[in-house]
Amino acid sequence: MSGIQSLFRTSLIAASVAGLIACHEPSSGTSAAEAVPYYNTPDFTPVWLTNPAEVDQKITHHIADFSFRNQENQEITQKTVAGKLYIANFFFTACPTVCPKMTSLLKAVQDTFQADNRVALLSFSVTPWLDSVPRLHRYAASKGVISGKWHLLTGQRGQIYELARKSYFAEDAIGFTKDSTEFLHTEHLILVDQNRRIRGVYNGTQPLEIDKLILDIRALLPD
């Protein structure tokens, strides 16, 4: 293939990709909140809606009820985050590589919204048989986790895994089909809105993804 042909092919591919994006993204006339999609299925296909009346009809998935203990031995439920935006992720304190990076980047989110009570963070342990309340307390202290803002959660393994896979769609569509005995591990951060609907999924190890998460949170916060 000649240099001119190669350049033409590259340009054609770029134009095709741009066209696909334009067909699936909202128009420039939408508001900031409307530009943040919903996620209704385990494959994380984004759904953009500009008519609020369509949301209840088209977005049927909600995060299920839950009850776990945080690093202060407090019971954390859906009532704790009712009416709030929150970020959910899955980790374990003994993780040597990915989890420390995710935790470090999540701290930037915590610090950005430290004074805003409308934003919270939930980190669910995927090794709850090891991550006791005292262990989570020590981990929180070592990572600069603010009590009351960021909850590190432990509880029954089966309940955490079912919530992760069926409510938060952890591990994409593949994870949705796994049962509660198979080990859970994901780098996803999940943004949940005030109505328990998923509004974003981000790679928790990538700083640029964290920047996008912060922008989406700001877009979804009421003025």
Foldseek 3Di string as FASTA:
>chain_A
DDPVVVVVVVVVVVVVVVVVVVVQADDPPAALLQRQFFAAALQRDTDGDRDPVCCVVPRPAFQDWDWWAFLVRDIDIVVLLAQAKEKEEEEAPPDDPLVVLLLQLVVVVCVVCVVPLRYAYEYEYLPLVPCDSPNNNVSCVVSVNDPSRYTYTHDDQQRVLQSCCVRVSAPGPVSVPDHSVDRGDHQWMWIAHNRRTTRDIFRSNDNVRSVVVSSNNVSRDDD
